[in-house]
Protein backbone atom coordinates (compact mmCIF):
# COMPACT_ATOMS: atom_id res chain seq x y z
CA MET A 1 206.30 214.64 -23.51
CA PRO A 2 209.99 215.05 -24.45
CA SER A 3 212.37 212.32 -23.34
CA ARG A 4 214.57 213.23 -20.41
CA ASN A 5 217.51 211.36 -22.02
CA GLY A 6 218.05 213.76 -24.91
CA ALA A 7 221.62 214.72 -25.83
CA VAL A 8 222.76 218.25 -24.94
CA HIS A 9 225.11 219.91 -27.42
CA VAL A 10 226.23 223.27 -28.78
CA ALA A 11 224.69 224.13 -32.16
CA THR A 12 226.39 226.82 -34.24
CA THR A 13 224.66 228.61 -37.10
CA SER A 14 226.12 231.22 -39.44
CA ARG A 15 224.58 233.94 -41.57
CA THR A 16 226.06 236.63 -43.78
CA TYR A 17 224.88 240.20 -43.67
CA LYS A 18 226.46 242.95 -45.78
CA GLY A 19 229.49 240.81 -46.38
CA LYS A 20 230.02 240.04 -42.68
CA VAL A 21 229.56 236.59 -41.14
CA TYR A 22 227.61 236.36 -37.89
CA GLN A 23 227.65 233.19 -35.79
CA THR A 24 225.09 232.13 -33.20
CA HIS A 25 225.97 229.50 -30.59
CA LEU A 26 222.97 227.85 -28.91
CA LEU A 27 222.92 225.29 -26.12
CA ARG A 28 220.41 222.70 -27.29
CA ARG A 29 218.93 219.36 -26.31
CA SER A 30 217.90 216.89 -29.01
CA TYR A 31 215.27 214.25 -28.31
CA ARG A 32 212.79 212.00 -30.05
CA GLU A 33 209.04 212.53 -29.82
CA GLY A 34 206.50 210.64 -31.91
CA GLY A 35 209.27 209.19 -34.09
CA LYS A 36 210.63 212.64 -34.94
CA VAL A 37 213.82 214.34 -33.81
CA LYS A 38 213.16 217.64 -32.09
CA HIS A 39 215.41 220.30 -30.62
CA GLN A 40 214.95 222.30 -27.45
CA THR A 41 216.99 225.48 -26.95
CA LEU A 42 218.32 225.74 -23.40
CA GLY A 43 220.28 228.96 -23.74
CA ASN A 44 222.22 231.34 -25.96
CA LEU A 45 226.02 231.15 -25.56
CA SER A 46 226.90 233.67 -28.28
CA HIS A 47 227.99 236.30 -25.77
CA LEU A 48 230.69 234.02 -24.31
CA PRO A 49 234.34 234.05 -25.43
CA PRO A 50 235.16 231.57 -28.26
CA ASP A 51 237.49 229.52 -26.06
CA LEU A 52 234.78 229.11 -23.44
CA ILE A 53 232.25 228.04 -26.08
CA ASP A 54 234.78 225.50 -27.37
CA THR A 55 235.29 224.19 -23.82
CA ILE A 56 231.55 223.73 -23.35
CA ARG A 57 231.28 222.00 -26.72
CA ARG A 58 234.10 219.57 -25.91
CA ARG A 59 232.80 218.86 -22.44
CA LEU A 60 229.34 218.00 -23.73
CA ARG A 61 230.90 215.64 -26.27
CA GLY A 62 232.72 213.84 -23.48
CA GLU A 63 236.10 214.99 -24.75
CA GLU A 64 238.90 216.26 -22.57
CA PRO A 65 238.85 220.06 -22.50
CA ASN A 66 241.87 222.16 -23.38
CA GLU A 67 244.27 222.96 -20.58
CA GLY A 68 242.59 225.12 -17.98
CA GLY A 69 239.19 224.47 -19.59
CA GLN A 70 237.53 222.49 -16.82
CA TRP A 71 234.70 224.27 -15.06
CA ASP A 72 233.30 224.51 -11.58
CA ILE A 73 229.77 225.15 -10.40
CA VAL A 74 230.27 228.24 -8.29
CA ARG A 75 226.74 228.48 -6.95
CA THR A 76 223.36 226.79 -7.30
CA LEU A 77 220.13 228.71 -6.77
CA PRO A 78 216.60 227.26 -6.61
CA HIS A 79 214.96 228.67 -9.70
CA GLY A 80 211.94 226.82 -11.10
CA HIS A 81 209.35 228.15 -8.62
CA VAL A 82 210.63 231.69 -9.13
CA ALA A 83 210.46 231.39 -12.91
CA ALA A 84 206.97 229.86 -12.76
CA THR A 85 205.55 232.54 -10.44
CA LEU A 86 207.30 235.51 -12.04
CA GLY A 87 206.47 234.22 -15.52
CA THR A 88 202.79 233.92 -14.59
CA LEU A 89 202.80 237.43 -13.10
CA GLN A 90 204.21 238.84 -16.32
CA SER A 91 201.95 236.79 -18.60
CA LEU A 92 198.95 238.18 -16.70
CA GLY A 93 200.20 241.69 -17.38
CA LEU A 94 200.33 242.43 -13.66
CA ASP A 95 203.65 244.23 -14.12
CA ASP A 96 201.91 246.77 -16.39
CA VAL A 97 199.00 246.98 -13.95
CA LEU A 98 201.43 247.93 -11.17
CA ALA A 99 203.04 250.63 -13.31
CA SER A 100 203.15 251.16 -17.06
CA ARG A 101 206.82 252.19 -16.99
CA PRO A 102 209.64 249.97 -15.75
CA SER A 103 211.31 251.16 -12.55
CA ARG A 104 213.25 249.75 -9.64
CA GLN A 105 210.24 250.14 -7.36
CA ARG A 106 208.01 248.25 -9.78
CA ASP A 107 210.59 245.45 -9.95
CA LEU A 108 210.82 245.36 -6.17
CA ALA A 109 207.03 245.22 -5.89
CA MET A 110 207.01 242.31 -8.34
CA GLY A 111 209.72 240.64 -6.29
CA MET A 112 207.75 241.08 -3.06
CA ILE A 113 204.65 239.55 -4.69
CA VAL A 114 206.65 236.56 -5.98
CA ALA A 115 208.39 236.14 -2.61
CA ARG A 116 205.00 236.19 -0.84
CA VAL A 117 203.84 233.32 -3.07
CA ILE A 118 206.92 231.09 -2.81
CA ALA A 119 208.11 231.87 0.74
CA PRO A 120 205.95 234.31 2.76
CA ALA A 121 207.99 236.05 5.43
CA SER A 122 208.67 239.41 7.06
CA LYS A 123 210.15 242.24 5.01
CA LEU A 124 213.46 241.73 6.80
CA ALA A 125 213.55 238.08 5.72
CA THR A 126 212.37 238.99 2.21
CA ALA A 127 215.25 241.47 1.87
CA ARG A 128 217.66 238.52 2.09
CA PHE A 129 216.28 237.30 -1.24
CA PHE A 130 217.81 240.36 -2.90
CA LYS A 131 221.32 240.12 -1.49
CA ASP A 132 223.95 238.04 -3.23
CA GLU A 133 225.38 236.65 0.01
CA THR A 134 222.03 235.48 1.41
CA ALA A 135 219.90 234.86 -1.69
CA GLY A 136 218.02 231.58 -1.31
CA THR A 137 216.51 231.70 -4.80
CA SER A 138 217.22 233.19 -8.21
CA LEU A 139 214.66 235.98 -7.66
CA SER A 140 217.09 238.89 -7.53
CA LEU A 141 218.95 237.48 -10.53
CA GLU A 142 215.76 237.25 -12.60
CA LEU A 143 214.69 240.79 -11.70
CA GLY A 144 218.19 242.22 -12.05
CA ILE A 145 218.17 243.87 -8.63
CA GLN A 146 220.61 243.27 -5.79
CA ASP A 147 221.76 244.70 -2.47
CA VAL A 148 218.28 245.67 -1.30
CA HIS A 149 217.92 246.91 2.27
CA GLU A 150 214.71 246.22 4.16
CA ASP A 151 214.07 249.98 4.36
CA GLU A 152 213.80 250.01 0.57
CA LEU A 153 211.16 247.28 0.78
CA TYR A 154 209.18 249.40 3.23
CA GLN A 155 209.43 252.31 0.79
CA THR A 156 208.20 250.02 -1.99
CA LEU A 157 205.31 248.94 0.24
CA ASP A 158 204.41 252.61 0.72
CA TRP A 159 204.63 253.11 -3.06
CA LEU A 160 202.33 250.13 -3.62
CA GLY A 161 199.81 251.39 -1.05
CA LYS A 162 199.56 254.77 -2.76
CA ARG A 163 198.81 253.04 -6.06
CA GLN A 164 196.19 250.67 -4.64
CA ARG A 165 193.16 252.55 -5.97
CA ARG A 166 194.64 252.75 -9.47
CA ILE A 167 195.67 249.08 -9.49
CA GLU A 168 192.27 247.87 -8.26
CA THR A 169 190.53 249.94 -10.91
CA LYS A 170 192.67 248.31 -13.61
CA LEU A 171 191.90 244.84 -12.23
CA ALA A 172 188.18 245.65 -12.16
CA LYS A 173 188.35 246.76 -15.78
CA LYS A 174 189.90 243.39 -16.70
CA HIS A 175 187.65 241.11 -14.67
CA LEU A 176 184.31 242.89 -14.09
CA ALA A 177 181.63 243.81 -16.59
CA ASP A 178 178.33 245.63 -16.41
CA GLY A 179 175.62 243.42 -14.93
CA THR A 180 178.16 241.17 -13.24
CA LEU A 181 178.01 239.28 -9.96
CA VAL A 182 180.32 240.48 -7.20
CA LEU A 183 181.17 238.19 -4.30
CA TYR A 184 181.95 240.00 -1.05
CA ASP A 185 182.91 238.73 2.39
CA VAL A 186 184.82 239.88 5.44
CA SER A 187 187.44 238.28 7.63
CA GLY A 188 189.98 239.43 10.19
CA SER A 189 193.45 238.73 11.53
CA TYR A 190 194.76 239.12 15.02
CA TYR A 191 197.45 241.68 15.81
CA THR A 192 199.86 241.54 18.72
CA GLY A 193 200.74 245.25 18.87
CA ARG A 194 198.80 248.28 20.10
CA ARG A 195 200.08 251.31 18.18
CA SER A 196 197.99 251.10 15.01
CA GLY A 197 194.73 253.01 14.88
CA LEU A 198 193.19 250.17 12.87
CA VAL A 199 193.69 247.68 15.66
CA ASP A 200 190.80 247.09 18.06
CA PHE A 201 188.90 244.34 19.82
CA GLY A 202 186.01 242.74 17.95
CA TYR A 203 184.53 239.42 16.91
CA ASN A 204 187.68 237.36 16.47
CA ARG A 205 187.41 234.71 13.74
CA ASP A 206 190.84 233.33 14.65
CA GLY A 207 189.64 232.26 18.09
CA LYS A 208 192.26 234.46 19.79
CA ARG A 209 190.68 235.79 22.96
CA GLY A 210 192.08 238.95 24.47
CA VAL A 211 193.96 239.88 21.30
CA PRO A 212 193.01 242.87 19.09
CA GLN A 213 192.58 242.52 15.36
CA ILE A 214 192.08 244.17 12.01
CA VAL A 215 189.14 243.47 9.67
CA TYR A 216 189.37 243.33 5.90
CA GLY A 217 186.80 242.83 3.14
CA LEU A 218 187.59 241.07 -0.13
CA LEU A 219 185.80 241.68 -3.43
CA CYS A 220 185.92 238.89 -6.04
CA ASN A 221 184.28 238.34 -9.39
CA ALA A 222 181.86 235.45 -9.96
CA GLU A 223 184.75 233.02 -10.57
CA GLY A 224 186.48 233.95 -7.32
CA CYS A 225 189.26 236.05 -8.84
CA PRO A 226 190.24 238.78 -6.32
CA ILE A 227 189.66 242.35 -7.46
CA ALA A 228 189.99 244.60 -4.41
CA VAL A 229 190.56 244.51 -0.67
CA GLU A 230 189.92 247.08 2.04
CA VAL A 231 191.07 247.15 5.66
CA PHE A 232 188.73 248.32 8.44
CA LYS A 233 189.12 248.94 12.14
CA GLY A 234 189.08 245.78 14.24
CA ASN A 235 185.71 246.45 15.87
CA THR A 236 183.85 247.11 12.61
CA ALA A 237 180.76 244.94 12.17
CA ASP A 238 180.43 243.13 8.83
CA PRO A 239 177.31 244.99 7.60
CA LYS A 240 178.94 248.39 8.15
CA THR A 241 181.60 247.59 5.54
CA LEU A 242 179.07 247.07 2.76
CA ALA A 243 178.31 250.70 1.85
CA THR A 244 181.92 251.52 0.95
CA GLN A 245 182.13 248.46 -1.31
CA ILE A 246 178.95 249.39 -3.16
CA LYS A 247 180.31 252.89 -3.69
CA LYS A 248 183.65 251.48 -4.84
CA VAL A 249 182.10 249.18 -7.44
CA ARG A 250 179.55 251.62 -8.81
CA GLN A 251 181.52 254.86 -8.72
CA ARG A 252 185.21 254.03 -8.88
CA PHE A 253 184.86 250.91 -11.07
CA ARG A 254 181.93 252.49 -12.98
CA ILE A 255 179.79 249.36 -12.94
CA GLU A 256 176.22 250.64 -13.38
CA ARG A 257 174.42 247.31 -12.98
CA VAL A 258 175.74 244.90 -10.38
CA VAL A 259 174.50 242.05 -8.19
CA PHE A 260 176.13 241.89 -4.75
CA VAL A 261 176.37 238.44 -3.17
CA GLY A 262 176.94 238.36 0.58
CA ASP A 263 176.13 236.09 3.49
CA ARG A 264 173.24 236.63 5.91
CA GLY A 265 175.50 238.39 8.41
CA MET A 266 176.67 240.84 5.74
CA ILE A 267 173.58 241.81 3.75
CA THR A 268 171.05 242.13 6.57
CA GLY A 269 167.48 243.38 6.42
CA ARG A 270 168.55 246.72 7.83
CA ARG A 271 171.31 247.13 5.21
CA ILE A 272 168.83 246.30 2.47
CA ASP A 273 166.31 248.87 3.69
CA GLU A 274 168.91 251.61 4.23
CA GLU A 275 171.37 251.10 1.36
CA LEU A 276 170.15 248.65 -1.29
CA ARG A 277 166.40 248.78 -1.80
CA ASP A 278 165.04 250.80 -4.74
CA VAL A 279 168.53 251.71 -5.99
CA ASP A 280 168.49 251.54 -9.78
CA GLY A 281 170.89 248.95 -11.18
CA LEU A 282 171.74 247.46 -7.76
CA ASP A 283 170.55 243.97 -6.77
CA TRP A 284 171.57 241.53 -4.08
CA ILE A 285 171.63 237.86 -3.13
CA THR A 286 171.81 236.85 0.51
CA ALA A 287 170.20 234.39 2.97
CA LEU A 288 167.73 234.58 5.84
CA ARG A 289 168.60 234.03 9.47
CA ALA A 290 167.14 231.09 11.42
CA ASP A 291 164.60 233.24 13.28
CA ASN A 292 163.26 234.62 9.98
CA ILE A 293 162.93 231.10 8.59
CA LYS A 294 161.04 230.04 11.72
CA LYS A 295 158.67 232.97 11.28
CA LEU A 296 157.97 232.02 7.66
CA ALA A 297 157.26 228.45 8.77
CA SER A 298 154.79 229.68 11.41
CA GLN A 299 153.04 231.75 8.71
CA LYS A 300 152.77 228.61 6.54
CA VAL A 301 154.83 230.29 3.80
CA ILE A 302 157.27 227.39 4.15
CA GLU A 303 155.77 223.91 4.38
CA LEU A 304 157.43 220.53 4.00
CA SER A 305 154.94 219.67 1.23
CA LEU A 306 156.91 222.06 -0.99
CA PHE A 307 159.64 219.43 -1.16
CA ASP A 308 157.58 216.39 -2.10
CA ASP A 309 158.90 216.40 -5.68
CA ARG A 310 162.07 218.53 -5.50
CA ASP A 311 164.46 220.07 -2.99
CA LEU A 312 164.00 223.70 -4.11
CA ALA A 313 160.99 226.00 -4.26
CA ALA A 314 160.45 229.72 -4.92
CA VAL A 315 158.00 231.50 -2.61
CA ARG A 316 156.96 235.06 -1.81
CA SER A 317 156.06 236.77 1.42
CA PRO A 318 154.53 240.20 2.19
CA ASP A 319 157.36 240.66 4.68
CA TYR A 320 159.76 240.81 1.73
CA PRO A 321 158.04 242.98 -0.89
CA GLY A 322 159.46 242.84 -4.41
CA GLU A 323 161.82 240.00 -3.50
CA ARG A 324 162.10 236.32 -4.28
CA LEU A 325 162.67 233.70 -1.60
CA VAL A 326 164.23 230.44 -2.75
CA VAL A 327 163.68 227.75 -0.13
CA CYS A 328 166.09 224.80 -0.23
CA ARG A 329 166.07 221.53 1.67
CA ASN A 330 169.22 219.45 1.88
CA PRO A 331 168.55 215.97 3.35
CA LEU A 332 172.23 215.42 4.12
CA LEU A 333 172.40 218.71 6.00
CA ALA A 334 169.19 217.79 7.87
CA GLU A 335 170.71 214.48 8.93
CA GLU A 336 173.91 216.14 10.12
CA ARG A 337 172.06 218.81 12.12
CA ALA A 338 169.88 216.16 13.79
CA ARG A 339 172.96 214.12 14.72
CA LYS A 340 174.76 217.18 16.07
CA ARG A 341 171.74 218.31 18.10
CA ASP A 342 171.34 214.85 19.66
CA THR A 343 175.02 214.84 20.59
CA LEU A 344 174.84 218.29 22.18
CA LEU A 345 171.67 217.42 24.11
CA ALA A 346 173.29 214.26 25.47
CA SER A 347 176.42 216.19 26.48
CA THR A 348 174.30 218.78 28.30
CA GLU A 349 172.34 216.07 30.11
CA LYS A 350 175.58 214.51 31.26
CA VAL A 351 176.73 217.68 33.06
CA LEU A 352 173.24 218.33 34.44
CA ASP A 353 173.09 214.78 35.82
CA GLU A 354 176.21 215.54 37.83
CA ILE A 355 174.32 218.40 39.53
CA VAL A 356 171.31 216.14 40.19
CA ILE A 357 173.64 213.65 41.90
CA ALA A 358 175.24 216.48 43.92
CA THR A 359 171.82 217.50 45.30
CA THR A 360 170.98 213.95 46.42
CA ARG A 361 174.27 212.59 47.77
CA ALA A 362 174.62 211.85 51.48
CA LYS A 363 177.82 213.80 52.12
CA ARG A 364 178.47 217.45 51.24
CA ARG A 365 175.10 217.72 49.61
CA LEU A 366 174.52 220.70 47.33
CA ARG A 367 171.80 222.83 48.94
CA GLY A 368 170.33 226.25 48.46
CA LYS A 369 168.43 227.59 45.50
CA ASP A 370 171.05 230.23 44.79
CA LYS A 371 173.99 227.80 44.91
CA ILE A 372 172.23 225.21 42.76
CA GLY A 373 171.16 227.91 40.29
CA LEU A 374 174.69 229.31 40.08
CA ARG A 375 176.15 225.91 39.27
CA VAL A 376 173.44 225.12 36.72
CA GLY A 377 173.93 228.50 35.06
CA LYS A 378 177.60 227.77 34.47
CA VAL A 379 176.97 224.61 32.45
CA VAL A 380 173.44 224.58 31.05
CA ASN A 381 174.34 226.52 27.89
CA ARG A 382 177.89 225.27 27.52
CA PHE A 383 176.84 223.37 24.39
CA LYS A 384 174.41 226.07 23.15
CA VAL A 385 171.25 223.96 23.64
CA GLY A 386 170.08 225.23 27.04
CA LYS A 387 166.89 226.55 25.43
CA HIS A 388 165.75 222.96 24.95
CA PHE A 389 165.63 222.19 28.69
CA ALA A 390 163.04 223.05 31.35
CA LEU A 391 164.74 223.44 34.76
CA ASP A 392 163.25 222.94 38.22
CA ILE A 393 165.50 224.42 40.92
CA GLY A 394 164.47 224.28 44.59
CA GLU A 395 166.16 224.72 47.95
CA GLU A 396 166.79 220.98 48.31
CA HIS A 397 166.42 219.58 44.83
CA PHE A 398 167.15 220.02 41.13
CA SER A 399 165.60 218.31 38.11
CA TYR A 400 165.29 218.96 34.40
CA ARG A 401 163.48 217.67 31.35
CA ARG A 402 163.70 218.13 27.61
CA ARG A 403 161.29 220.48 25.90
CA GLU A 404 160.28 217.92 23.30
CA LYS A 405 157.84 220.20 21.49
CA LYS A 406 160.44 222.91 21.00
CA ILE A 407 163.00 220.35 19.87
CA ALA A 408 160.50 218.92 17.37
CA GLU A 409 159.77 222.42 15.99
CA GLU A 410 163.46 223.03 15.44
CA ALA A 411 163.93 219.57 13.91
CA ALA A 412 161.18 220.29 11.40
CA LEU A 413 163.40 223.03 9.94
CA ASP A 414 166.54 220.90 9.77
CA GLY A 415 168.25 221.13 6.40
CA LEU A 416 166.25 224.19 5.36
CA TYR A 417 167.84 227.42 4.22
CA VAL A 418 166.33 230.34 2.34
CA ILE A 419 168.07 232.50 -0.26
CA ARG A 420 166.74 236.04 -0.49
CA THR A 421 167.21 238.08 -3.67
CA SER A 422 165.94 241.12 -5.54
CA VAL A 423 166.98 239.66 -8.93
CA THR A 424 163.98 238.89 -11.10
CA SER A 425 163.25 235.37 -12.33
CA GLU A 426 163.63 236.62 -15.93
CA SER A 427 167.23 237.65 -15.19
CA MET A 428 168.27 234.66 -13.10
CA SER A 429 166.61 231.32 -12.39
CA SER A 430 166.19 229.99 -8.87
CA GLU A 431 168.95 227.43 -9.50
CA HIS A 432 171.36 230.14 -10.57
CA VAL A 433 170.49 232.22 -7.51
CA VAL A 434 171.35 229.30 -5.21
CA GLN A 435 174.57 228.66 -7.14
CA ALA A 436 175.57 232.32 -6.83
CA TYR A 437 175.12 232.23 -3.06
CA LYS A 438 177.09 229.00 -2.79
CA ASP A 439 179.90 230.64 -4.76
CA LEU A 440 180.72 232.63 -1.62
CA SER A 441 182.77 229.55 -0.72
CA LYS A 442 185.29 230.83 -3.29
CA VAL A 443 185.89 233.92 -1.13
CA GLU A 444 186.21 231.69 1.94
CA ARG A 445 188.82 229.66 0.04
CA ALA A 446 190.67 232.90 -0.68
CA PHE A 447 190.71 233.74 3.03
CA ARG A 448 192.13 230.30 3.84
CA CYS A 449 194.99 230.89 1.40
CA LEU A 450 195.57 234.43 2.64
CA LYS A 451 195.53 233.62 6.34
CA THR A 452 196.99 230.15 6.72
CA ILE A 453 198.17 227.61 4.19
CA ASP A 454 199.87 229.73 1.51
CA LEU A 455 200.31 233.49 1.85
CA LYS A 456 200.16 234.01 5.61
CA VAL A 457 198.86 237.56 5.97
CA ARG A 458 199.52 237.07 9.69
CA PRO A 459 201.51 237.71 11.79
CA ILE A 460 201.41 241.39 10.90
CA TYR A 461 204.74 243.05 11.61
CA HIS A 462 203.72 246.62 10.75
CA ARG A 463 202.71 249.43 13.09
CA LEU A 464 201.61 252.18 10.71
CA ASP A 465 198.03 252.09 9.41
CA ASP A 466 198.99 252.70 5.78
CA ARG A 467 201.56 249.92 5.86
CA ILE A 468 199.08 247.47 7.34
CA ARG A 469 196.72 248.34 4.49
CA ALA A 470 199.54 247.97 1.95
CA HIS A 471 200.61 244.64 3.48
CA VAL A 472 197.09 243.20 3.12
CA PHE A 473 196.92 244.57 -0.45
CA LEU A 474 200.28 242.93 -1.24
CA CYS A 475 198.90 239.61 0.00
CA MET A 476 195.83 240.06 -2.20
CA LEU A 477 198.03 240.63 -5.26
CA ALA A 478 199.98 237.49 -4.38
CA TYR A 479 196.71 235.57 -4.19
CA TYR A 480 195.74 237.04 -7.58
CA VAL A 481 198.84 235.38 -9.07
CA GLU A 482 198.28 232.15 -7.12
CA TRP A 483 194.61 231.99 -8.21
CA HIS A 484 195.60 232.04 -11.87
CA MET A 485 198.43 229.56 -11.30
CA ARG A 486 196.08 227.13 -9.54
CA LYS A 487 193.59 227.40 -12.38
CA LYS A 488 196.23 226.46 -14.97
CA LEU A 489 197.98 223.83 -12.85
CA ALA A 490 194.76 222.09 -11.76
CA PRO A 491 195.46 218.87 -13.80
CA ILE A 492 198.50 218.08 -11.62
CA LEU A 493 197.09 219.44 -8.36
CA PHE A 494 194.47 217.89 -6.10
CA ASP A 495 192.12 220.60 -7.42
CA ASP A 496 189.26 219.40 -9.62
CA HIS A 497 190.31 220.16 -13.20
CA GLU A 498 187.05 218.82 -14.69
CA ARG A 499 184.67 220.74 -12.46
CA GLU A 500 182.42 221.64 -15.40
CA ASN A 501 181.83 217.95 -16.17
CA ALA A 502 181.05 217.31 -12.51
CA GLU A 503 178.54 220.18 -12.42
CA ASN A 504 176.83 218.83 -15.53
CA SER A 505 176.27 215.50 -13.77
CA ARG A 506 174.91 217.17 -10.65
CA LYS A 507 171.32 216.13 -9.98
CA SER A 508 170.41 219.21 -7.97
CA ILE A 509 172.02 222.54 -7.16
CA VAL A 510 171.04 222.01 -3.51
CA ALA A 511 173.09 218.81 -3.26
CA PRO A 512 176.76 219.08 -2.27
CA ALA A 513 179.11 219.91 -5.13
CA PRO A 514 180.41 216.63 -6.59
CA ARG A 515 183.99 215.82 -7.50
CA SER A 516 184.60 214.76 -11.09
CA LYS A 517 185.67 211.19 -11.83
CA ALA A 518 189.13 212.42 -12.78
CA ALA A 519 189.49 214.25 -9.47
CA VAL A 520 188.33 211.18 -7.53
CA ARG A 521 190.96 209.09 -9.31
CA LYS A 522 193.61 211.63 -8.31
CA ASP A 523 192.42 211.51 -4.71
CA GLN A 524 192.54 207.72 -4.60
CA ARG A 525 195.74 207.01 -6.53
CA LYS A 526 197.66 210.17 -5.65
CA ARG A 527 198.76 210.15 -9.28
CA THR A 528 197.42 211.76 -12.44
CA ASP A 529 196.07 209.85 -15.43
CA ASP A 530 199.54 210.38 -16.98
CA ASP A 531 201.01 208.55 -13.96
CA GLU A 532 202.61 211.66 -12.51
CA PRO A 533 202.52 212.42 -8.77
CA VAL A 534 199.70 214.74 -7.67
CA HIS A 535 200.71 217.77 -5.63
CA SER A 536 199.24 220.44 -3.46
CA PHE A 537 200.09 223.93 -4.66
CA ARG A 538 202.72 224.31 -1.95
CA THR A 539 204.49 220.99 -2.61
CA LEU A 540 204.48 221.67 -6.35
CA LEU A 541 206.32 224.94 -5.75
CA GLU A 542 208.84 223.03 -3.65
CA ASP A 543 209.28 220.52 -6.47
CA LEU A 544 209.76 223.30 -9.02
CA GLY A 545 212.35 224.83 -6.70
CA THR A 546 214.63 221.83 -7.35
CA LEU A 547 214.98 223.06 -10.94
CA ALA A 548 218.15 225.01 -10.25
CA LYS A 549 220.12 227.74 -11.96
CA ASN A 550 223.85 227.04 -11.74
CA ARG A 551 226.57 229.66 -12.04
CA VAL A 552 229.44 228.00 -13.86
CA ARG A 553 233.05 229.25 -14.00
CA VAL A 554 235.80 227.96 -16.26
CA ARG A 555 238.92 227.01 -14.34
CA GLY A 556 241.83 229.30 -14.97
CA SER A 557 239.48 232.04 -16.18
CA SER A 558 237.13 234.62 -14.75
CA ASP A 559 234.50 233.84 -17.37
CA GLU A 560 231.16 232.66 -15.99
CA PHE A 561 227.80 231.59 -17.43
CA TYR A 562 224.52 230.17 -16.14
CA LEU A 563 223.30 226.64 -16.82
CA LEU A 564 219.94 225.15 -15.82
CA THR A 565 219.49 221.64 -14.52
CA GLN A 566 217.38 219.35 -16.72
CA PRO A 567 213.67 219.63 -15.83
CA THR A 568 211.88 216.47 -14.76
CA THR A 569 208.83 215.29 -16.66
CA LEU A 570 206.56 216.81 -14.03
CA GLN A 571 208.42 220.12 -14.06
CA SER A 572 208.15 220.28 -17.85
CA ARG A 573 204.43 219.57 -17.60
CA ALA A 574 203.95 222.33 -15.02
CA LEU A 575 205.76 224.88 -17.17
CA ASN A 576 203.76 223.82 -20.22
CA LEU A 577 200.49 224.23 -18.31
CA LEU A 578 201.57 227.73 -17.27
CA GLY A 579 202.41 228.53 -20.89
CA LEU A 580 206.06 229.22 -20.03
CA PRO A 581 209.12 228.21 -22.08
CA GLN A 582 211.28 225.31 -20.93
CA THR A 583 214.36 227.53 -21.12
CA LEU A 584 212.91 229.91 -18.49
């Protein structure tokens, strides 16, 4: 890496063209690397007046400037995180995906995406980024737009929403191919208003009782790169969103052969029979519910002897014609489920014992079959294991016992899960089928970034349906940029940057995904192998933000120019990983 102690100077070059001499004045830093002297260009000063260039040259030499030549730093703006995010957006060609021709609305849309990555906030707060008096970063300076009112951001959001279909189609063309895997899952976010037609009460994944929500489905490619998002009414069940996504992929994206991967609550037996089965070019990978697994075990289709030599086995059942069932047994998962069940049973017995004591105490004894039954009913299934208890409720007594046979039957299935697929064994091995289903965790990771730690799709400040849709789409585009940034920056993040090596050392696809040795070292030392601090994505952006862009004014003059602070070793490494120039 370049030394941070290099000397900064003004280098002047001359060339003659048609008898005229042209001079170029560059702000450069000279340093040694590998025994050689190298030069890094920090900026072009040729547009500045000659006296100002001379002042800069003298100042860098440590000489006293000419009278009135001293300068002041008029303003300092956090810049590195803006340059990194905006540079990545442009290197991905997302600006051309938004619109092929430059326009103010395209620049504002780019600015809103960048702002969502570096500092997610309401549109009112985001508008402050584009005003000279309140700008907290160099974003407006880099995009060349200023004095933006929040109403203009709402108009840009409307513009972006109208272009969503076109943008998603372009992304699909870049990241999807015929015969590809498509990962699909659904999540939701609570909403505190009432005016939107999309808002309704439904299964709330945020744990917010009594609060309406919206539901949205995210389509990703096999690597987890987001392609498209769609917002549904808050009471829409997961399986009912599937048909529109199939139509979107096959008709709008023109993917003739595709394999949809969805969880057991998404691709249900009913969906398969009504929408997927016998459709040419359309296959699926999903999982069976616990009651279906229990039925297969009772039919002796699944037996523990299958796992004497390995933890994975392919079976077939007449209940699933033309399909493969891949049965997996994870000993670690079995151990965890047994521990959890024992804990829940003990917790249930504790509350039931309190009722037993209440029916036998001398004073204020609990009597009456109805009263005892009412109290038992309130607590018996508090921990979701009431089915494992046999209850005896009388007028003067109450007792219970465990249903040991039923508990043993459930324990026999601990650690078992079954992947269901229509993909033939010639097209995809059983191991690859299991891996594809496990890759749904990539969509879950996307939802975590969208909803909480990074992009914060909630709270939702919009009331109009189309703007809610556009807001969620904006967040997806921000995650698209973040996903690519994380992939490139993995060596200096806590992310595993040698995942392929870790997968190669994996003994079984059923076992938990291992961390590579390099990632474990990062976790333990909190430093990279190059002895640099390891960051989360968010703290790295904060660190890059300390790379500032200074507006410098020469005293006694109205002339101004911009000068960057020197990047730290880590900041230089981050920019190199992103493939961006040090001069930004």
